[in-house]
Amino acid sequence: MTASPPTIDLPLRYHTPATWATLALAEPHALLGDHAHLERKAATNALELVSRWPAGEASPDAWVSILAAVARDETIHLHAVSRLLAARGGGMPRVHRNPYASALHGLVRRGQGTRELLDRLLISALIEARSCERFELLAASGLDAELCAFFDSLRGSEQGHYKVFLHLAEMVVAGEERDRRWSELLDAEAGIIAAQAAGPRMHSGVGDG
């Protein structure tokens, strides 16, 4: 199964087949419910990072302002997807699991100070980049005009967030060390996303088909 790279320039090393969108949209309520939880978790992640500005950063104002803006965007998205889900007769599930994100966060070098922070920022960038790619596929699917327009309206924001997290990572560790770790995580993410089970989730796979 092959696929063309997305039209938005992303560094991802696995390109999701267009058939993924068909599988994901087969259960729109489940997909939107998953998406709502992802937006909630993205907002929480940004707020958790607010107080972790890098050592040597005399004034954390820029760091805090950037992450607060990301959290605001994600909260706006959560509101939008929750309203859309409710308008379609669905509701946000109480329980949510994301094996893709869990596997990525398992790569964080916990307890290693700057390295841990670098990993958290780079993984946040990866998740935003993957979501941007998935939004583009959903928008291009033509399977549901309302959802196509909705996801198309979000992908530019996800691309911007991906770049923001890379910028913050550069503030933590610049140059070759950051680039080397970014490359390692890009490789790891490609394997993790390709191994995901199929289903109506934003970060699902395509199964064995």
C-alpha atoms as a PDB file:
ATOM      1  CA  MET A   1       0.000   0.000   0.000  1.00  0.00           C
ATOM      2  CA  THR A   2       1.570   3.313  -1.049  1.00  0.00           C
ATOM      3  CA  ALA A   3       0.686   6.954  -0.619  1.00  0.00           C
ATOM      4  CA  SER A   4       1.842  10.342  -1.782  1.00  0.00           C
ATOM      5  CA  PRO A   5       3.432  12.758   0.700  1.00  0.00           C
ATOM      6  CA  PRO A   6       1.130  15.512   2.000  1.00  0.00           C
ATOM      7  CA  THR A   7       1.067  18.862   0.206  1.00  0.00           C
ATOM      8  CA  ILE A   8       1.994  20.628   3.462  1.00  0.00           C
ATOM      9  CA  ASP A   9       5.738  20.283   3.979  1.00  0.00           C
ATOM     10  CA  LEU A  10       6.229  17.930   6.924  1.00  0.00           C
ATOM     11  CA  PRO A  11       9.295  15.893   7.956  1.00  0.00           C
ATOM     12  CA  LEU A  12       7.358  12.688   8.656  1.00  0.00           C
ATOM     13  CA  ARG A  13       9.027   9.458   7.527  1.00  0.00           C
ATOM     14  CA  TYR A  14       5.838   7.453   7.163  1.00  0.00           C
ATOM     15  CA  HIS A  15       3.153   8.781   4.831  1.00  0.00           C
ATOM     16  CA  THR A  16      -0.333   7.650   5.774  1.00  0.00           C
ATOM     17  CA  PRO A  17      -2.237   5.973   2.923  1.00  0.00           C
ATOM     18  CA  ALA A  18      -5.300   7.879   1.749  1.00  0.00           C
ATOM     19  CA  THR A  19      -7.377   4.797   2.602  1.00  0.00           C
ATOM     20  CA  TRP A  20      -6.844   5.610   6.272  1.00  0.00           C
ATOM     21  CA  ALA A  21      -9.355   8.458   5.990  1.00  0.00           C
ATOM     22  CA  THR A  22     -12.041   6.102   4.688  1.00  0.00           C
ATOM     23  CA  LEU A  23     -11.509   3.770   7.638  1.00  0.00           C
ATOM     24  CA  ALA A  24     -11.436   6.612  10.166  1.00  0.00           C
ATOM     25  CA  LEU A  25     -14.578   8.289   8.823  1.00  0.00           C
ATOM     26  CA  ALA A  26     -16.569   5.046   8.902  1.00  0.00           C
ATOM     27  CA  GLU A  27     -17.491   5.959  12.505  1.00  0.00           C
ATOM     28  CA  PRO A  28     -17.589   9.767  12.640  1.00  0.00           C
ATOM     29  CA  HIS A  29     -18.875   9.961  16.223  1.00  0.00           C
ATOM     30  CA  ALA A  30     -15.972   7.841  17.461  1.00  0.00           C
ATOM     31  CA  LEU A  31     -13.470   9.821  15.402  1.00  0.00           C
ATOM     32  CA  LEU A  32     -14.741  13.160  16.703  1.00  0.00           C
ATOM     33  CA  GLY A  33     -14.808  11.877  20.276  1.00  0.00           C
ATOM     34  CA  ASP A  34     -11.197  10.757  19.944  1.00  0.00           C
ATOM     35  CA  HIS A  35     -10.285  14.106  18.423  1.00  0.00           C
ATOM     36  CA  ALA A  36     -11.923  16.001  21.299  1.00  0.00           C
ATOM     37  CA  HIS A  37      -9.821  14.139  23.837  1.00  0.00           C
ATOM     38  CA  LEU A  38      -6.667  14.776  21.814  1.00  0.00           C
ATOM     39  CA  GLU A  39      -7.360  18.508  21.863  1.00  0.00           C
ATOM     40  CA  ARG A  40      -7.953  18.357  25.618  1.00  0.00           C
ATOM     41  CA  LYS A  41      -4.681  16.529  26.161  1.00  0.00           C
ATOM     42  CA  ALA A  42      -2.811  18.912  23.859  1.00  0.00           C
ATOM     43  CA  ALA A  43      -4.019  21.897  25.889  1.00  0.00           C
ATOM     44  CA  THR A  44      -3.032  20.160  29.121  1.00  0.00           C
ATOM     45  CA  ASN A  45       0.401  19.303  27.728  1.00  0.00           C
ATOM     46  CA  ALA A  46       1.080  22.925  26.778  1.00  0.00           C
ATOM     47  CA  LEU A  47       0.073  24.146  30.239  1.00  0.00           C
ATOM     48  CA  GLU A  48       2.216  21.496  31.925  1.00  0.00           C
ATOM     49  CA  LEU A  49       5.231  22.789  29.989  1.00  0.00           C
ATOM     50  CA  VAL A  50       4.638  26.425  30.984  1.00  0.00           C
ATOM     51  CA  SER A  51       6.675  26.230  34.183  1.00  0.00           C
ATOM     52  CA  ARG A  52       9.529  24.252  32.650  1.00  0.00           C
ATOM     53  CA  TRP A  53      11.416  26.996  30.853  1.00  0.00           C
ATOM     54  CA  PRO A  54      15.049  25.995  30.252  1.00  0.00           C
ATOM     55  CA  ALA A  55      17.871  26.705  32.669  1.00  0.00           C
ATOM     56  CA  GLY A  56      19.584  29.977  31.892  1.00  0.00           C
ATOM     57  CA  GLU A  57      16.391  31.568  30.575  1.00  0.00           C
ATOM     58  CA  ALA A  58      16.476  34.732  32.653  1.00  0.00           C
ATOM     59  CA  SER A  59      13.014  35.847  31.576  1.00  0.00           C
ATOM     60  CA  PRO A  60      10.445  33.130  30.930  1.00  0.00           C
ATOM     61  CA  ASP A  61       7.971  35.619  29.437  1.00  0.00           C
ATOM     62  CA  ALA A  62       8.363  34.451  25.832  1.00  0.00           C
ATOM     63  CA  TRP A  63       8.249  30.783  26.833  1.00  0.00           C
ATOM     64  CA  VAL A  64       5.075  31.241  28.858  1.00  0.00           C
ATOM     65  CA  SER A  65       3.392  33.398  26.215  1.00  0.00           C
ATOM     66  CA  ILE A  66       4.077  30.868  23.446  1.00  0.00           C
ATOM     67  CA  LEU A  67       2.774  27.890  25.385  1.00  0.00           C
ATOM     68  CA  ALA A  68      -0.233  29.806  26.700  1.00  0.00           C
ATOM     69  CA  ALA A  69      -1.133  30.645  23.103  1.00  0.00           C
ATOM     70  CA  VAL A  70      -0.865  26.974  22.114  1.00  0.00           C
ATOM     71  CA  ALA A  71      -3.072  25.972  25.047  1.00  0.00           C
ATOM     72  CA  ARG A  72      -5.614  28.622  24.043  1.00  0.00           C
ATOM     73  CA  ASP A  73      -5.701  27.337  20.452  1.00  0.00           C
ATOM     74  CA  GLU A  74      -6.163  23.742  21.587  1.00  0.00           C
ATOM     75  CA  THR A  75      -8.961  24.749  23.949  1.00  0.00           C
ATOM     76  CA  ILE A  76     -10.728  26.580  21.119  1.00  0.00           C
ATOM     77  CA  HIS A  77     -10.384  23.460  18.980  1.00  0.00           C
ATOM     78  CA  LEU A  78     -11.776  21.320  21.802  1.00  0.00           C
ATOM     79  CA  HIS A  79     -14.821  23.579  22.002  1.00  0.00           C
ATOM     80  CA  ALA A  80     -15.307  23.447  18.230  1.00  0.00           C
ATOM     81  CA  VAL A  81     -15.072  19.669  17.904  1.00  0.00           C
ATOM     82  CA  SER A  82     -17.281  19.134  20.960  1.00  0.00           C
ATOM     83  CA  ARG A  83     -19.976  21.372  19.471  1.00  0.00           C
ATOM     84  CA  LEU A  84     -19.757  19.556  16.143  1.00  0.00           C
ATOM     85  CA  LEU A  85     -20.009  16.186  17.871  1.00  0.00           C
ATOM     86  CA  ALA A  86     -23.036  17.313  19.895  1.00  0.00           C
ATOM     87  CA  ALA A  87     -24.726  18.722  16.787  1.00  0.00           C
ATOM     88  CA  ARG A  88     -24.413  15.285  15.218  1.00  0.00           C
ATOM     89  CA  GLY A  89     -26.009  13.600  18.221  1.00  0.00           C
ATOM     90  CA  GLY A  90     -22.798  12.332  19.799  1.00  0.00           C
ATOM     91  CA  GLY A  91     -20.959  12.970  23.022  1.00  0.00           C
ATOM     92  CA  MET A  92     -17.398  13.052  24.287  1.00  0.00           C
ATOM     93  CA  PRO A  93     -16.440   9.677  25.811  1.00  0.00           C
ATOM     94  CA  ARG A  94     -15.481   9.650  29.486  1.00  0.00           C
ATOM     95  CA  VAL A  95     -12.571   7.253  28.921  1.00  0.00           C
ATOM     96  CA  HIS A  96      -9.895   7.711  26.291  1.00  0.00           C
ATOM     97  CA  ARG A  97      -6.732   5.821  25.384  1.00  0.00           C
ATOM     98  CA  ASN A  98      -4.136   6.727  22.791  1.00  0.00           C
ATOM     99  CA  PRO A  99      -1.598   3.901  22.315  1.00  0.00           C
ATOM    100  CA  TYR A 100       0.258   5.952  19.698  1.00  0.00           C
ATOM    101  CA  ALA A 101       0.956   8.844  22.071  1.00  0.00           C
ATOM    102  CA  SER A 102       1.668   6.458  24.940  1.00  0.00           C
ATOM    103  CA  ALA A 103       4.335   4.709  22.869  1.00  0.00           C
ATOM    104  CA  LEU A 104       5.923   8.045  21.941  1.00  0.00           C
ATOM    105  CA  HIS A 105       5.955   9.262  25.531  1.00  0.00           C
ATOM    106  CA  GLY A 106       7.619   5.998  26.502  1.00  0.00           C
ATOM    107  CA  LEU A 107      10.676   7.286  24.623  1.00  0.00           C
ATOM    108  CA  VAL A 108      11.095  10.307  26.912  1.00  0.00           C
ATOM    109  CA  ARG A 109      14.362  10.201  28.863  1.00  0.00           C
ATOM    110  CA  ARG A 110      12.708  10.815  32.201  1.00  0.00           C
ATOM    111  CA  GLY A 111      14.695  12.186  35.090  1.00  0.00           C
ATOM    112  CA  GLN A 112      17.415  13.524  32.794  1.00  0.00           C
ATOM    113  CA  GLY A 113      16.657  17.218  33.106  1.00  0.00           C
ATOM    114  CA  THR A 114      17.278  19.032  29.839  1.00  0.00           C
ATOM    115  CA  ARG A 115      17.117  15.808  27.843  1.00  0.00           C
ATOM    116  CA  GLU A 116      13.688  15.023  29.242  1.00  0.00           C
ATOM    117  CA  LEU A 117      12.412  18.478  28.366  1.00  0.00           C
ATOM    118  CA  LEU A 118      13.894  18.244  24.870  1.00  0.00           C
ATOM    119  CA  ASP A 119      12.169  14.904  24.296  1.00  0.00           C
ATOM    120  CA  ARG A 120       8.825  16.193  25.514  1.00  0.00           C
ATOM    121  CA  LEU A 121       9.002  19.154  23.148  1.00  0.00           C
ATOM    122  CA  LEU A 122      10.102  17.087  20.155  1.00  0.00           C
ATOM    123  CA  ILE A 123       7.394  14.487  20.776  1.00  0.00           C
ATOM    124  CA  SER A 124       4.834  17.289  21.017  1.00  0.00           C
ATOM    125  CA  ALA A 125       6.094  18.534  17.638  1.00  0.00           C
ATOM    126  CA  LEU A 126       5.777  15.032  16.179  1.00  0.00           C
ATOM    127  CA  ILE A 127       2.199  14.602  17.364  1.00  0.00           C
ATOM    128  CA  GLU A 128       1.220  17.987  15.931  1.00  0.00           C
ATOM    129  CA  ALA A 129       2.888  17.160  12.597  1.00  0.00           C
ATOM    130  CA  ARG A 130       1.134  13.788  12.401  1.00  0.00           C
ATOM    131  CA  SER A 131      -2.214  15.386  13.246  1.00  0.00           C
ATOM    132  CA  CYS A 132      -1.634  17.967  10.510  1.00  0.00           C
ATOM    133  CA  GLU A 133      -1.051  15.173   7.998  1.00  0.00           C
ATOM    134  CA  ARG A 134      -4.163  13.333   9.151  1.00  0.00           C
ATOM    135  CA  PHE A 135      -6.310  16.480   8.961  1.00  0.00           C
ATOM    136  CA  GLU A 136      -5.185  16.974   5.386  1.00  0.00           C
ATOM    137  CA  LEU A 137      -6.170  13.419   4.446  1.00  0.00           C
ATOM    138  CA  LEU A 138      -9.573  13.801   6.076  1.00  0.00           C
ATOM    139  CA  ALA A 139     -10.141  17.146   4.355  1.00  0.00           C
ATOM    140  CA  ALA A 140      -9.228  15.678   0.971  1.00  0.00           C
ATOM    141  CA  SER A 141     -11.337  12.535   1.355  1.00  0.00           C
ATOM    142  CA  GLY A 142     -14.556  14.086   0.021  1.00  0.00           C
ATOM    143  CA  LEU A 143     -16.558  11.663   2.149  1.00  0.00           C
ATOM    144  CA  ASP A 144     -18.343  14.173   4.399  1.00  0.00           C
ATOM    145  CA  ALA A 145     -18.502  17.800   3.288  1.00  0.00           C
ATOM    146  CA  GLU A 146     -18.969  19.204   6.788  1.00  0.00           C
ATOM    147  CA  LEU A 147     -16.117  17.206   8.283  1.00  0.00           C
ATOM    148  CA  CYS A 148     -13.869  17.891   5.297  1.00  0.00           C
ATOM    149  CA  ALA A 149     -14.304  21.625   5.811  1.00  0.00           C
ATOM    150  CA  PHE A 150     -13.827  21.311   9.557  1.00  0.00           C
ATOM    151  CA  PHE A 151     -10.569  19.396   9.385  1.00  0.00           C
ATOM    152  CA  ASP A 152      -9.301  21.629   6.606  1.00  0.00           C
ATOM    153  CA  SER A 153      -9.807  24.614   8.911  1.00  0.00           C
ATOM    154  CA  LEU A 154      -7.575  23.047  11.587  1.00  0.00           C
ATOM    155  CA  ARG A 155      -4.562  21.763   9.695  1.00  0.00           C
ATOM    156  CA  GLY A 156      -2.803  25.125   9.372  1.00  0.00           C
ATOM    157  CA  SER A 157      -2.946  25.557  13.139  1.00  0.00           C
ATOM    158  CA  GLU A 158      -1.460  22.110  13.713  1.00  0.00           C
ATOM    159  CA  GLN A 159       1.361  22.908  11.320  1.00  0.00           C
ATOM    160  CA  GLY A 160       2.022  26.108  13.230  1.00  0.00           C
ATOM    161  CA  HIS A 161       2.090  24.261  16.555  1.00  0.00           C
ATOM    162  CA  TYR A 162       4.543  21.713  15.193  1.00  0.00           C
ATOM    163  CA  LYS A 163       6.917  24.550  14.285  1.00  0.00           C
ATOM    164  CA  VAL A 164       6.393  26.233  17.657  1.00  0.00           C
ATOM    165  CA  PHE A 165       7.471  23.115  19.554  1.00  0.00           C
ATOM    166  CA  LEU A 166      10.544  22.770  17.358  1.00  0.00           C
ATOM    167  CA  HIS A 167      11.395  26.391  18.135  1.00  0.00           C
ATOM    168  CA  LEU A 168      11.034  25.765  21.863  1.00  0.00           C
ATOM    169  CA  ALA A 169      13.231  22.676  21.545  1.00  0.00           C
ATOM    170  CA  GLU A 170      15.892  24.864  19.932  1.00  0.00           C
ATOM    171  CA  MET A 171      15.724  27.103  23.004  1.00  0.00           C
ATOM    172  CA  VAL A 172      16.471  24.069  25.183  1.00  0.00           C
ATOM    173  CA  VAL A 173      19.169  22.310  23.135  1.00  0.00           C
ATOM    174  CA  ALA A 174      20.480  23.884  19.951  1.00  0.00           C
ATOM    175  CA  GLY A 175      22.389  22.479  17.012  1.00  0.00           C
ATOM    176  CA  GLU A 176      23.622  18.973  16.370  1.00  0.00           C
ATOM    177  CA  GLU A 177      22.356  17.368  19.568  1.00  0.00           C
ATOM    178  CA  ARG A 178      18.811  18.535  18.951  1.00  0.00           C
ATOM    179  CA  ASP A 179      18.936  17.541  15.281  1.00  0.00           C
ATOM    180  CA  ARG A 180      20.255  14.072  16.117  1.00  0.00           C
ATOM    181  CA  ARG A 181      17.511  13.430  18.656  1.00  0.00           C
ATOM    182  CA  TRP A 182      14.869  14.789  16.269  1.00  0.00           C
ATOM    183  CA  SER A 183      16.029  12.332  13.609  1.00  0.00           C
ATOM    184  CA  GLU A 184      15.900   9.443  16.087  1.00  0.00           C
ATOM    185  CA  LEU A 185      12.382  10.310  17.136  1.00  0.00           C
ATOM    186  CA  LEU A 186      11.211  10.741  13.536  1.00  0.00           C
ATOM    187  CA  ASP A 187      12.389   7.192  12.824  1.00  0.00           C
ATOM    188  CA  ALA A 188      10.727   5.845  15.966  1.00  0.00           C
ATOM    189  CA  GLU A 189       7.449   7.648  15.238  1.00  0.00           C
ATOM    190  CA  ALA A 190       7.295   6.162  11.742  1.00  0.00           C
ATOM    191  CA  GLY A 191       7.423   2.664  13.170  1.00  0.00           C
ATOM    192  CA  ILE A 192       4.929   3.428  15.933  1.00  0.00           C
ATOM    193  CA  ILE A 193       2.266   4.940  13.667  1.00  0.00           C
ATOM    194  CA  ALA A 194       2.642   2.195  11.056  1.00  0.00           C
ATOM    195  CA  ALA A 195       2.077  -0.462  13.739  1.00  0.00           C
ATOM    196  CA  GLN A 196      -1.196   1.006  15.060  1.00  0.00           C
ATOM    197  CA  ALA A 197      -4.383  -0.998  14.755  1.00  0.00           C
ATOM    198  CA  ALA A 198      -7.051   0.257  12.393  1.00  0.00           C
ATOM    199  CA  GLY A 199     -10.033   2.120  13.792  1.00  0.00           C
ATOM    200  CA  PRO A 200     -11.886   5.449  14.056  1.00  0.00           C
ATOM    201  CA  ARG A 201      -9.036   7.253  15.799  1.00  0.00           C
ATOM    202  CA  MET A 202      -6.947  10.217  14.696  1.00  0.00           C
ATOM    203  CA  HIS A 203      -3.752   8.240  15.247  1.00  0.00           C
ATOM    204  CA  SER A 204      -4.964   4.794  14.199  1.00  0.00           C
ATOM    205  CA  GLY A 205      -3.331   2.638  11.546  1.00  0.00           C
ATOM    206  CA  VAL A 206      -4.727   0.944   8.477  1.00  0.00           C
ATOM    207  CA  GLY A 207      -4.494  -2.660   9.634  1.00  0.00           C
ATOM    208  CA  ASP A 208      -3.349  -5.421   7.328  1.00  0.00           C
ATOM    209  CA  GLY A 209      -5.360  -4.248   4.354  1.00  0.00           C
END
